[in-house]
C-alpha atoms as a PDB file:
ATOM      1  CA  MET A   1     293.541-210.432 139.107  1.00  0.00           C
ATOM      2  CA  THR A   2     292.344-208.508 136.068  1.00  0.00           C
ATOM      3  CA  ALA A   3     289.558-206.072 136.692  1.00  0.00           C
ATOM      4  CA  GLY A   4     286.572-207.028 134.650  1.00  0.00           C
ATOM      5  CA  SER A   5     284.356-204.546 132.755  1.00  0.00           C
ATOM      6  CA  SER A   6     280.622-204.645 132.808  1.00  0.00           C
ATOM      7  CA  SER A   7     278.457-203.733 129.826  1.00  0.00           C
ATOM      8  CA  SER A   8     274.746-203.206 129.635  1.00  0.00           C
ATOM      9  CA  SER A   9     272.915-204.570 126.743  1.00  0.00           C
ATOM     10  CA  ARG A  10     270.546-202.230 124.898  1.00  0.00           C
ATOM     11  CA  ARG A  11     267.371-203.532 123.417  1.00  0.00           C
ATOM     12  CA  GLY A  12     266.037-201.874 120.237  1.00  0.00           C
ATOM     13  CA  PHE A  13     262.415-201.315 119.186  1.00  0.00           C
ATOM     14  CA  THR A  14     260.560-204.411 118.226  1.00  0.00           C
ATOM     15  CA  LEU A  15     258.507-204.347 115.032  1.00  0.00           C
ATOM     16  CA  VAL A  16     255.297-204.319 117.061  1.00  0.00           C
ATOM     17  CA  GLU A  17     256.396-201.295 119.070  1.00  0.00           C
ATOM     18  CA  LEU A  18     257.379-199.457 115.898  1.00  0.00           C
ATOM     19  CA  LEU A  19     253.989-200.126 114.361  1.00  0.00           C
ATOM     20  CA  VAL A  20     252.282-198.848 117.512  1.00  0.00           C
ATOM     21  CA  VAL A  21     254.274-195.595 117.367  1.00  0.00           C
ATOM     22  CA  ILE A  22     253.436-195.152 113.693  1.00  0.00           C
ATOM     23  CA  ALA A  23     249.753-195.769 114.456  1.00  0.00           C
ATOM     24  CA  ILE A  24     249.801-193.164 117.243  1.00  0.00           C
ATOM     25  CA  ILE A  25     251.427-190.619 114.949  1.00  0.00           C
ATOM     26  CA  GLY A  26     248.789-191.338 112.296  1.00  0.00           C
ATOM     27  CA  ILE A  27     245.998-190.815 114.808  1.00  0.00           C
ATOM     28  CA  LEU A  28     247.505-187.509 115.943  1.00  0.00           C
ATOM     29  CA  ILE A  29     247.791-186.306 112.346  1.00  0.00           C
ATOM     30  CA  ALA A  30     244.184-187.332 111.669  1.00  0.00           C
ATOM     31  CA  LEU A  31     243.072-185.376 114.721  1.00  0.00           C
ATOM     32  CA  LEU A  32     245.114-182.297 113.859  1.00  0.00           C
ATOM     33  CA  LEU A  33     244.439-182.152 110.112  1.00  0.00           C
ATOM     34  CA  PRO A  34     240.811-180.915 110.348  1.00  0.00           C
ATOM     35  CA  ALA A  35     241.927-178.197 112.750  1.00  0.00           C
ATOM     36  CA  VAL A  36     244.697-177.127 110.371  1.00  0.00           C
ATOM     37  CA  GLN A  37     242.294-177.132 107.435  1.00  0.00           C
ATOM     38  CA  ALA A  38     239.727-175.147 109.415  1.00  0.00           C
ATOM     39  CA  ALA A  39     242.377-172.581 110.353  1.00  0.00           C
ATOM     40  CA  ARG A  40     243.425-172.222 106.738  1.00  0.00           C
ATOM     41  CA  GLU A  41     239.827-171.773 105.586  1.00  0.00           C
ATOM     42  CA  ALA A  42     239.228-169.205 108.324  1.00  0.00           C
ATOM     43  CA  ALA A  43     242.220-167.263 106.993  1.00  0.00           C
ATOM     44  CA  ARG A  44     240.944-167.504 103.413  1.00  0.00           C
ATOM     45  CA  ARG A  45     237.474-166.422 104.491  1.00  0.00           C
ATOM     46  CA  ALA A  46     238.942-163.448 106.347  1.00  0.00           C
ATOM     47  CA  GLN A  47     240.915-162.499 103.227  1.00  0.00           C
ATOM     48  CA  CYS A  48     237.750-162.717 101.126  1.00  0.00           C
ATOM     49  CA  THR A  49     235.968-160.478 103.640  1.00  0.00           C
ATOM     50  CA  ASN A  50     238.785-157.941 103.495  1.00  0.00           C
ATOM     51  CA  GLN A  51     238.742-157.927  99.703  1.00  0.00           C
ATOM     52  CA  LEU A  52     235.046-157.121  99.692  1.00  0.00           C
ATOM     53  CA  LYS A  53     235.696-154.416 102.268  1.00  0.00           C
ATOM     54  CA  GLN A  54     238.197-152.832  99.884  1.00  0.00           C
ATOM     55  CA  MET A  55     235.715-153.071  96.994  1.00  0.00           C
ATOM     56  CA  GLY A  56     233.121-151.358  99.149  1.00  0.00           C
ATOM     57  CA  LEU A  57     235.529-148.576 100.097  1.00  0.00           C
ATOM     58  CA  GLY A  58     236.586-148.203  96.470  1.00  0.00           C
ATOM     59  CA  SER A  59     232.953-147.959  95.378  1.00  0.00           C
ATOM     60  CA  LEU A  60     232.212-145.346  98.045  1.00  0.00           C
ATOM     61  CA  ASN A  61     235.258-143.342  96.946  1.00  0.00           C
ATOM     62  CA  HIS A  62     233.983-143.627  93.366  1.00  0.00           C
ATOM     63  CA  HIS A  63     230.649-142.288  94.650  1.00  0.00           C
ATOM     64  CA  ASP A  64     232.355-139.368  96.385  1.00  0.00           C
ATOM     65  CA  VAL A  65     234.111-138.364  93.164  1.00  0.00           C
ATOM     66  CA  HIS A  66     231.413-139.071  90.567  1.00  0.00           C
ATOM     67  CA  GLY A  67     228.178-138.852  92.550  1.00  0.00           C
ATOM     68  CA  HIS A  68     227.112-142.461  92.025  1.00  0.00           C
ATOM     69  CA  PHE A  69     228.254-146.045  92.517  1.00  0.00           C
ATOM     70  CA  PRO A  70     230.169-147.596  89.585  1.00  0.00           C
ATOM     71  CA  THR A  71     228.085-148.106  86.493  1.00  0.00           C
ATOM     72  CA  GLY A  72     227.372-151.592  85.198  1.00  0.00           C
ATOM     73  CA  GLY A  73     228.575-150.865  81.667  1.00  0.00           C
ATOM     74  CA  TRP A  74     227.051-151.706  78.323  1.00  0.00           C
ATOM     75  CA  GLY A  75     227.047-155.414  77.559  1.00  0.00           C
ATOM     76  CA  TYR A  76     229.060-158.573  77.136  1.00  0.00           C
ATOM     77  CA  LEU A  77     230.649-157.489  73.845  1.00  0.00           C
ATOM     78  CA  TRP A  78     232.228-154.470  75.484  1.00  0.00           C
ATOM     79  CA  VAL A  79     235.188-153.889  77.765  1.00  0.00           C
ATOM     80  CA  GLY A  80     236.375-150.812  79.613  1.00  0.00           C
ATOM     81  CA  ASP A  81     237.569-147.788  77.644  1.00  0.00           C
ATOM     82  CA  PRO A  82     239.801-145.300  79.533  1.00  0.00           C
ATOM     83  CA  ASP A  83     238.698-142.431  77.298  1.00  0.00           C
ATOM     84  CA  ARG A  84     234.974-142.765  78.124  1.00  0.00           C
ATOM     85  CA  GLY A  85     234.840-141.511  81.706  1.00  0.00           C
ATOM     86  CA  PHE A  86     232.919-143.081  84.595  1.00  0.00           C
ATOM     87  CA  ASP A  87     229.246-142.468  83.783  1.00  0.00           C
ATOM     88  CA  LEU A  88     226.654-144.239  81.642  1.00  0.00           C
ATOM     89  CA  HIS A  89     228.756-143.596  78.536  1.00  0.00           C
ATOM     90  CA  GLN A  90     231.444-145.961  79.874  1.00  0.00           C
ATOM     91  CA  PRO A  91     231.056-149.433  78.285  1.00  0.00           C
ATOM     92  CA  GLY A  92     233.151-151.207  80.923  1.00  0.00           C
ATOM     93  CA  GLY A  93     231.501-152.675  84.024  1.00  0.00           C
ATOM     94  CA  TRP A  94     231.840-151.973  87.736  1.00  0.00           C
ATOM     95  CA  ILE A  95     235.143-153.819  88.188  1.00  0.00           C
ATOM     96  CA  TYR A  96     236.778-151.740  85.495  1.00  0.00           C
ATOM     97  CA  ASN A  97     235.355-148.542  86.962  1.00  0.00           C
ATOM     98  CA  ILE A  98     236.623-149.034  90.510  1.00  0.00           C
ATOM     99  CA  LEU A  99     240.180-149.931  89.468  1.00  0.00           C
ATOM    100  CA  PRO A 100     241.529-146.436  90.214  1.00  0.00           C
ATOM    101  CA  TYR A 101     239.948-146.623  93.679  1.00  0.00           C
ATOM    102  CA  VAL A 102     241.550-149.962  94.620  1.00  0.00           C
ATOM    103  CA  GLU A 103     245.097-148.950  93.709  1.00  0.00           C
ATOM    104  CA  GLN A 104     244.873-150.176  90.111  1.00  0.00           C
ATOM    105  CA  GLY A 105     244.795-146.856  88.290  1.00  0.00           C
ATOM    106  CA  THR A 106     247.635-147.809  85.943  1.00  0.00           C
ATOM    107  CA  LEU A 107     245.736-150.892  84.793  1.00  0.00           C
ATOM    108  CA  HIS A 108     242.581-148.817  84.279  1.00  0.00           C
ATOM    109  CA  ASP A 109     244.395-146.231  82.146  1.00  0.00           C
ATOM    110  CA  LEU A 110     246.152-148.614  79.756  1.00  0.00           C
ATOM    111  CA  GLY A 111     245.666-147.247  76.247  1.00  0.00           C
ATOM    112  CA  LYS A 112     244.312-143.883  77.367  1.00  0.00           C
ATOM    113  CA  GLY A 113     244.635-141.254  74.651  1.00  0.00           C
ATOM    114  CA  GLN A 114     246.234-143.724  72.253  1.00  0.00           C
ATOM    115  CA  PRO A 115     245.291-144.296  68.588  1.00  0.00           C
ATOM    116  CA  ALA A 116     243.084-147.269  67.774  1.00  0.00           C
ATOM    117  CA  ALA A 117     245.804-149.874  67.207  1.00  0.00           C
ATOM    118  CA  ALA A 118     247.707-148.989  70.375  1.00  0.00           C
ATOM    119  CA  LYS A 119     244.501-148.876  72.403  1.00  0.00           C
ATOM    120  CA  ALA A 120     243.504-152.318  71.090  1.00  0.00           C
ATOM    121  CA  ALA A 121     246.863-153.737  72.171  1.00  0.00           C
ATOM    122  CA  ALA A 122     246.519-152.107  75.600  1.00  0.00           C
ATOM    123  CA  MET A 123     243.002-153.497  76.064  1.00  0.00           C
ATOM    124  CA  SER A 124     244.250-156.952  75.166  1.00  0.00           C
ATOM    125  CA  THR A 125     246.909-156.588  77.860  1.00  0.00           C
ATOM    126  CA  ARG A 126     244.353-155.469  80.438  1.00  0.00           C
ATOM    127  CA  ILE A 127     241.861-158.273  79.874  1.00  0.00           C
ATOM    128  CA  ALA A 128     244.699-160.773  80.381  1.00  0.00           C
ATOM    129  CA  THR A 129     245.803-159.166  83.670  1.00  0.00           C
ATOM    130  CA  PRO A 130     244.353-160.741  86.827  1.00  0.00           C
ATOM    131  CA  VAL A 131     244.065-158.798  90.086  1.00  0.00           C
ATOM    132  CA  PRO A 132     244.187-161.000  93.226  1.00  0.00           C
ATOM    133  CA  ALA A 133     241.686-158.797  95.065  1.00  0.00           C
ATOM    134  CA  PHE A 134     238.913-159.967  92.723  1.00  0.00           C
ATOM    135  CA  ASN A 135     239.380-163.707  93.260  1.00  0.00           C
ATOM    136  CA  CYS A 136     238.136-165.529  96.355  1.00  0.00           C
ATOM    137  CA  PRO A 137     241.139-167.445  97.770  1.00  0.00           C
ATOM    138  CA  THR A 138     238.908-170.366  98.788  1.00  0.00           C
ATOM    139  CA  ARG A 139     237.786-170.838  95.199  1.00  0.00           C
ATOM    140  CA  ARG A 140     240.692-170.203  92.848  1.00  0.00           C
ATOM    141  CA  SER A 141     243.911-168.345  92.268  1.00  0.00           C
ATOM    142  CA  ALA A 142     244.292-165.029  90.491  1.00  0.00           C
ATOM    143  CA  ILE A 143     245.643-166.383  87.225  1.00  0.00           C
ATOM    144  CA  VAL A 144     244.504-166.171  83.619  1.00  0.00           C
ATOM    145  CA  TYR A 145     241.984-168.698  82.366  1.00  0.00           C
ATOM    146  CA  PRO A 146     241.162-169.986  78.875  1.00  0.00           C
ATOM    147  CA  ALA A 147     239.213-167.688  76.558  1.00  0.00           C
ATOM    148  CA  LEU A 148     236.835-169.915  74.652  1.00  0.00           C
ATOM    149  CA  LYS A 149     235.662-167.513  71.943  1.00  0.00           C
ATOM    150  CA  LYS A 150     236.830-164.230  70.504  1.00  0.00           C
ATOM    151  CA  TRP A 151     233.600-162.387  71.273  1.00  0.00           C
ATOM    152  CA  ASN A 152     233.697-163.568  74.873  1.00  0.00           C
ATOM    153  CA  HIS A 153     236.414-161.118  75.754  1.00  0.00           C
ATOM    154  CA  SER A 154     237.525-158.899  72.890  1.00  0.00           C
ATOM    155  CA  GLY A 155     234.748-156.321  72.895  1.00  0.00           C
ATOM    156  CA  MET A 156     233.738-154.040  70.075  1.00  0.00           C
ATOM    157  CA  PRO A 157     236.350-151.389  70.932  1.00  0.00           C
ATOM    158  CA  ILE A 158     239.063-153.934  70.244  1.00  0.00           C
ATOM    159  CA  GLY A 159     237.463-155.713  67.322  1.00  0.00           C
ATOM    160  CA  THR A 160     237.026-159.417  66.671  1.00  0.00           C
ATOM    161  CA  THR A 161     240.374-159.725  64.923  1.00  0.00           C
ATOM    162  CA  THR A 162     242.183-159.350  68.244  1.00  0.00           C
ATOM    163  CA  PHE A 163     242.387-162.622  70.122  1.00  0.00           C
ATOM    164  CA  THR A 164     243.856-163.331  73.527  1.00  0.00           C
ATOM    165  CA  ASN A 165     244.169-166.980  74.512  1.00  0.00           C
ATOM    166  CA  ASN A 166     243.768-166.354  78.232  1.00  0.00           C
ATOM    167  CA  ILE A 167     241.777-163.813  80.228  1.00  0.00           C
ATOM    168  CA  ALA A 168     241.271-162.732  83.827  1.00  0.00           C
ATOM    169  CA  ARG A 169     238.044-163.626  85.631  1.00  0.00           C
ATOM    170  CA  ALA A 170     236.427-162.500  88.891  1.00  0.00           C
ATOM    171  CA  ASP A 171     234.546-164.214  91.721  1.00  0.00           C
ATOM    172  CA  TYR A 172     232.414-161.243  92.756  1.00  0.00           C
ATOM    173  CA  ALA A 173     229.277-159.709  91.276  1.00  0.00           C
ATOM    174  CA  GLY A 174     227.417-156.451  91.611  1.00  0.00           C
ATOM    175  CA  ASN A 175     223.859-156.326  92.903  1.00  0.00           C
ATOM    176  CA  GLY A 176     221.656-156.080  89.818  1.00  0.00           C
ATOM    177  CA  GLY A 177     218.434-156.128  91.841  1.00  0.00           C
ATOM    178  CA  GLU A 178     215.577-158.594  91.837  1.00  0.00           C
ATOM    179  CA  ILE A 179     215.530-159.773  88.229  1.00  0.00           C
ATOM    180  CA  PRO A 180     217.632-159.225  85.103  1.00  0.00           C
ATOM    181  CA  ASN A 181     215.181-156.973  83.279  1.00  0.00           C
ATOM    182  CA  ILE A 182     217.551-156.866  80.287  1.00  0.00           C
ATOM    183  CA  TYR A 183     221.118-157.856  79.636  1.00  0.00           C
ATOM    184  CA  ALA A 184     222.490-158.154  76.144  1.00  0.00           C
ATOM    185  CA  SER A 185     225.525-157.565  73.963  1.00  0.00           C
ATOM    186  CA  GLY A 186     225.220-153.805  73.799  1.00  0.00           C
ATOM    187  CA  PRO A 187     225.280-151.659  70.645  1.00  0.00           C
ATOM    188  CA  SER A 188     227.368-152.656  67.637  1.00  0.00           C
ATOM    189  CA  ASP A 189     229.573-149.552  67.925  1.00  0.00           C
ATOM    190  CA  TYR A 190     229.926-146.318  69.852  1.00  0.00           C
ATOM    191  CA  ASN A 191     227.552-144.487  67.510  1.00  0.00           C
ATOM    192  CA  GLY A 192     224.768-146.879  68.403  1.00  0.00           C
ATOM    193  CA  GLU A 193     224.685-145.940  72.092  1.00  0.00           C
ATOM    194  CA  SER A 194     221.776-143.495  71.864  1.00  0.00           C
ATOM    195  CA  SER A 195     219.636-145.617  69.566  1.00  0.00           C
ATOM    196  CA  TYR A 196     220.237-149.005  71.201  1.00  0.00           C
ATOM    197  CA  GLY A 197     216.874-150.376  72.311  1.00  0.00           C
ATOM    198  CA  SER A 198     217.848-152.901  74.974  1.00  0.00           C
ATOM    199  CA  TRP A 199     219.141-150.767  77.841  1.00  0.00           C
ATOM    200  CA  PRO A 200     217.640-151.581  81.249  1.00  0.00           C
ATOM    201  CA  ASP A 201     214.761-149.324  82.269  1.00  0.00           C
ATOM    202  CA  GLU A 202     215.892-146.961  85.021  1.00  0.00           C
ATOM    203  CA  LYS A 203     212.356-146.807  86.441  1.00  0.00           C
ATOM    204  CA  THR A 204     212.013-150.563  86.934  1.00  0.00           C
ATOM    205  CA  ALA A 205     215.620-151.471  87.727  1.00  0.00           C
ATOM    206  CA  SER A 206     215.767-152.245  91.455  1.00  0.00           C
ATOM    207  CA  GLY A 207     219.465-152.925  92.010  1.00  0.00           C
ATOM    208  CA  VAL A 208     222.553-150.779  92.389  1.00  0.00           C
ATOM    209  CA  ILE A 209     224.723-152.000  89.490  1.00  0.00           C
ATOM    210  CA  TYR A 210     223.162-152.773  86.104  1.00  0.00           C
ATOM    211  CA  GLY A 211     223.434-151.681  82.473  1.00  0.00           C
ATOM    212  CA  ARG A 212     224.283-147.955  82.276  1.00  0.00           C
ATOM    213  CA  SER A 213     223.405-147.517  85.931  1.00  0.00           C
ATOM    214  CA  GLU A 214     224.122-144.296  87.794  1.00  0.00           C
ATOM    215  CA  VAL A 215     222.767-145.078  91.244  1.00  0.00           C
ATOM    216  CA  GLY A 216     223.639-142.607  93.961  1.00  0.00           C
ATOM    217  CA  ILE A 217     222.948-142.948  97.673  1.00  0.00           C
ATOM    218  CA  ARG A 218     219.830-140.794  97.357  1.00  0.00           C
ATOM    219  CA  LYS A 219     218.320-143.456  95.109  1.00  0.00           C
ATOM    220  CA  ILE A 220     218.859-146.150  97.751  1.00  0.00           C
ATOM    221  CA  THR A 221     215.731-145.242  99.675  1.00  0.00           C
ATOM    222  CA  ASP A 222     215.706-148.481 101.691  1.00  0.00           C
ATOM    223  CA  GLY A 223     219.008-147.429 103.283  1.00  0.00           C
ATOM    224  CA  THR A 224     222.594-148.266 102.467  1.00  0.00           C
ATOM    225  CA  SER A 225     222.846-150.694 105.389  1.00  0.00           C
ATOM    226  CA  ASN A 226     219.891-152.650 103.994  1.00  0.00           C
ATOM    227  CA  THR A 227     221.072-153.070 100.415  1.00  0.00           C
ATOM    228  CA  TYR A 228     223.653-155.342  98.814  1.00  0.00           C
ATOM    229  CA  LEU A 229     226.354-153.642  96.765  1.00  0.00           C
ATOM    230  CA  ILE A 230     228.720-156.484  95.755  1.00  0.00           C
ATOM    231  CA  ALA A 231     228.785-160.135  96.787  1.00  0.00           C
ATOM    232  CA  GLU A 232     230.319-163.456  95.892  1.00  0.00           C
ATOM    233  CA  LYS A 233     228.825-165.153  92.861  1.00  0.00           C
ATOM    234  CA  TYR A 234     227.832-168.806  92.580  1.00  0.00           C
ATOM    235  CA  LEU A 235     229.911-170.946  90.228  1.00  0.00           C
ATOM    236  CA  ASN A 236     229.707-174.553  89.073  1.00  0.00           C
ATOM    237  CA  SER A 237     232.746-176.118  90.756  1.00  0.00           C
ATOM    238  CA  ASP A 238     233.397-178.249  87.659  1.00  0.00           C
ATOM    239  CA  ASN A 239     234.230-175.072  85.771  1.00  0.00           C
ATOM    240  CA  TYR A 240     236.491-173.099  88.097  1.00  0.00           C
ATOM    241  CA  LYS A 241     239.280-173.110  85.508  1.00  0.00           C
ATOM    242  CA  SER A 242     237.624-174.025  82.219  1.00  0.00           C
ATOM    243  CA  GLY A 243     235.572-170.902  81.494  1.00  0.00           C
ATOM    244  CA  GLU A 244     232.717-173.131  80.366  1.00  0.00           C
ATOM    245  CA  ASP A 245     230.248-171.904  82.985  1.00  0.00           C
ATOM    246  CA  SER A 246     227.739-169.569  81.314  1.00  0.00           C
ATOM    247  CA  GLY A 247     228.132-167.188  84.242  1.00  0.00           C
ATOM    248  CA  ASP A 248     231.908-167.155  83.994  1.00  0.00           C
ATOM    249  CA  ASN A 249     232.733-167.237  80.297  1.00  0.00           C
ATOM    250  CA  GLU A 250     233.669-163.587  79.811  1.00  0.00           C
ATOM    251  CA  GLY A 251     236.410-161.464  81.312  1.00  0.00           C
ATOM    252  CA  MET A 252     236.240-159.388  84.482  1.00  0.00           C
ATOM    253  CA  TYR A 253     236.614-156.003  82.741  1.00  0.00           C
ATOM    254  CA  MET A 254     233.593-156.474  80.487  1.00  0.00           C
ATOM    255  CA  GLY A 255     230.292-154.619  80.582  1.00  0.00           C
ATOM    256  CA  PHE A 256     226.926-155.599  82.026  1.00  0.00           C
ATOM    257  CA  ASN A 257     226.437-159.377  82.126  1.00  0.00           C
ATOM    258  CA  GLU A 258     225.851-162.201  84.602  1.00  0.00           C
ATOM    259  CA  ASP A 259     229.591-162.822  84.842  1.00  0.00           C
ATOM    260  CA  ILE A 260     229.902-159.713  87.034  1.00  0.00           C
ATOM    261  CA  VAL A 261     226.283-158.969  88.052  1.00  0.00           C
ATOM    262  CA  ARG A 262     223.820-161.234  89.865  1.00  0.00           C
ATOM    263  CA  TRP A 263     220.225-161.010  91.130  1.00  0.00           C
ATOM    264  CA  THR A 264     218.163-161.985  94.175  1.00  0.00           C
ATOM    265  CA  GLY A 265     214.848-162.789  92.480  1.00  0.00           C
ATOM    266  CA  ASN A 266     211.351-161.366  92.814  1.00  0.00           C
ATOM    267  CA  GLN A 267     208.261-162.650  94.613  1.00  0.00           C
ATOM    268  CA  GLN A 268     207.387-164.874  91.660  1.00  0.00           C
ATOM    269  CA  LEU A 269     210.852-166.384  91.296  1.00  0.00           C
ATOM    270  CA  LEU A 270     213.176-166.188  94.274  1.00  0.00           C
ATOM    271  CA  ARG A 271     216.784-166.968  93.419  1.00  0.00           C
ATOM    272  CA  VAL A 272     218.285-169.219  96.088  1.00  0.00           C
ATOM    273  CA  PRO A 273     221.943-168.505  96.958  1.00  0.00           C
ATOM    274  CA  LEU A 274     224.023-171.690  96.900  1.00  0.00           C
ATOM    275  CA  GLN A 275     227.386-173.058  97.858  1.00  0.00           C
ATOM    276  CA  ASP A 276     229.381-174.014  94.764  1.00  0.00           C
ATOM    277  CA  LYS A 277     228.700-177.559  93.640  1.00  0.00           C
ATOM    278  CA  PRO A 278     229.432-179.691  90.577  1.00  0.00           C
ATOM    279  CA  GLY A 279     226.965-180.147  87.768  1.00  0.00           C
ATOM    280  CA  TYR A 280     224.785-177.067  88.273  1.00  0.00           C
ATOM    281  CA  ASP A 281     225.133-173.772  86.388  1.00  0.00           C
ATOM    282  CA  GLY A 282     223.414-171.037  88.375  1.00  0.00           C
ATOM    283  CA  ARG A 283     224.504-168.099  86.291  1.00  0.00           C
ATOM    284  CA  GLU A 284     222.166-165.525  87.849  1.00  0.00           C
ATOM    285  CA  ILE A 285     222.517-166.253  91.575  1.00  0.00           C
ATOM    286  CA  PHE A 286     224.806-165.266  94.394  1.00  0.00           C
ATOM    287  CA  GLY A 287     226.742-167.895  96.333  1.00  0.00           C
ATOM    288  CA  GLY A 288     230.272-168.961  97.049  1.00  0.00           C
ATOM    289  CA  SER A 289     232.739-171.664  97.896  1.00  0.00           C
ATOM    290  CA  HIS A 290     232.687-171.159 101.697  1.00  0.00           C
ATOM    291  CA  ALA A 291     230.761-173.763 103.672  1.00  0.00           C
ATOM    292  CA  ALA A 292     228.819-171.375 105.920  1.00  0.00           C
ATOM    293  CA  GLY A 293     227.615-168.790 103.411  1.00  0.00           C
ATOM    294  CA  PHE A 294     228.669-166.104 100.961  1.00  0.00           C
ATOM    295  CA  ASN A 295     230.242-162.752 101.768  1.00  0.00           C
ATOM    296  CA  ALA A 296     228.574-159.503 100.745  1.00  0.00           C
ATOM    297  CA  VAL A 297     229.492-155.854 101.118  1.00  0.00           C
ATOM    298  CA  PHE A 298     226.550-153.526 101.601  1.00  0.00           C
ATOM    299  CA  CYS A 299     226.170-150.004 100.248  1.00  0.00           C
ATOM    300  CA  ASP A 300     227.349-148.552 103.567  1.00  0.00           C
ATOM    301  CA  GLY A 301     230.652-150.430 103.232  1.00  0.00           C
ATOM    302  CA  SER A 302     229.901-153.061 105.884  1.00  0.00           C
ATOM    303  CA  VAL A 303     230.630-156.723 105.096  1.00  0.00           C
ATOM    304  CA  HIS A 304     228.430-159.613 106.214  1.00  0.00           C
ATOM    305  CA  MET A 305     228.474-163.342 105.669  1.00  0.00           C
ATOM    306  CA  ILE A 306     225.025-164.327 104.422  1.00  0.00           C
ATOM    307  CA  PRO A 307     224.101-167.937 105.248  1.00  0.00           C
ATOM    308  CA  TYR A 308     222.817-170.058 102.398  1.00  0.00           C
ATOM    309  CA  SER A 309     219.804-170.698 104.606  1.00  0.00           C
ATOM    310  CA  VAL A 310     218.930-166.978 104.612  1.00  0.00           C
ATOM    311  CA  ASP A 311     215.209-166.260 104.458  1.00  0.00           C
ATOM    312  CA  LEU A 312     214.583-165.859 100.729  1.00  0.00           C
ATOM    313  CA  GLU A 313     212.236-162.919 101.167  1.00  0.00           C
ATOM    314  CA  THR A 314     214.920-161.150 103.188  1.00  0.00           C
ATOM    315  CA  HIS A 315     217.459-161.993 100.482  1.00  0.00           C
ATOM    316  CA  ARG A 316     215.129-160.531  97.858  1.00  0.00           C
ATOM    317  CA  ARG A 317     214.648-157.319  99.819  1.00  0.00           C
ATOM    318  CA  LEU A 318     218.389-156.907 100.275  1.00  0.00           C
ATOM    319  CA  GLY A 319     218.672-156.865  96.492  1.00  0.00           C
ATOM    320  CA  ASN A 320     216.018-154.174  96.059  1.00  0.00           C
ATOM    321  CA  ARG A 321     217.161-150.680  96.926  1.00  0.00           C
ATOM    322  CA  LYS A 322     213.726-149.040  96.889  1.00  0.00           C
ATOM    323  CA  ASP A 323     210.828-151.363  97.777  1.00  0.00           C
ATOM    324  CA  GLY A 324     210.258-149.727 101.176  1.00  0.00           C
ATOM    325  CA  LEU A 325     210.019-153.054 102.997  1.00  0.00           C
ATOM    326  CA  PRO A 326     211.791-153.671 106.311  1.00  0.00           C
ATOM    327  CA  ILE A 327     214.749-156.033 106.716  1.00  0.00           C
ATOM    328  CA  ASP A 328     214.865-158.595 109.507  1.00  0.00           C
ATOM    329  CA  GLY A 329     218.330-158.036 110.933  1.00  0.00           C
ATOM    330  CA  ASP A 330     218.297-161.428 112.636  1.00  0.00           C
ATOM    331  CA  ALA A 331     218.061-163.083 109.221  1.00  0.00           C
ATOM    332  CA  ILE A 332     221.535-161.880 108.254  1.00  0.00           C
END
């Protein structure tokens, strides 16, 4: 008698069972995706906080060396000049002035001691060089963005014949105080510095960084822990890459302008900080792309996230270095 062999039949997945498995996987992905996105945003927010911390430390180191926080520069027609020092005679703004104190000394010194043509070429290189530390990772990458007009980025030291198609932009702004008492193009040339009639008035300027500012800690009578130094700026989300936002149409190494300086408002016109949104150009206000609020480094080097719902009077006082009014710590 021949021994028989037994075999077990194996049943495969039915179509219904396969669809059920796919549905379960889809549900799990849907449940996990928000958590993954939240974790990524938390990491980006932490990076933004650290970047502001480094800007604060760089500004304090600048203060230790020069006796004041970085100057705001001259105006939107000017960019940084490595042969003009770090005081009110420097046409470049605060970002340009802290470059040596955030490990970007080589970028700061491009063109130093060079004749006019070589310096112009070096300045053109600098304004087209992004630095990741000055771009919020939640908002946009540190790349070059379109330059819409020659005067938007060239600056009088370079001359309007020099044109760079793409320029670097920043997502952070210095604290200009309550209101923009004056911001303009600046003088037509270096010789016009002393006679230029549109410099901000030192007596009425309430911020820390503004046109030709030289604000030292002694001038921050409200206390360094009660005064903004640098914070995230608001930006129309339609214009992250286009350069068409009026508060983002110049380069990051320029002089005093709303591209790199913002204000908190006065008692007559409080400037509400906002989360970035499409369709609205708020070129003078602070804000950011984070959902909970915007990050700010104070003059003591501490970094805080300020909720968009912050009490507006508190926000105003944080922008004024010398009004003598108390700050409600619970509001921040």
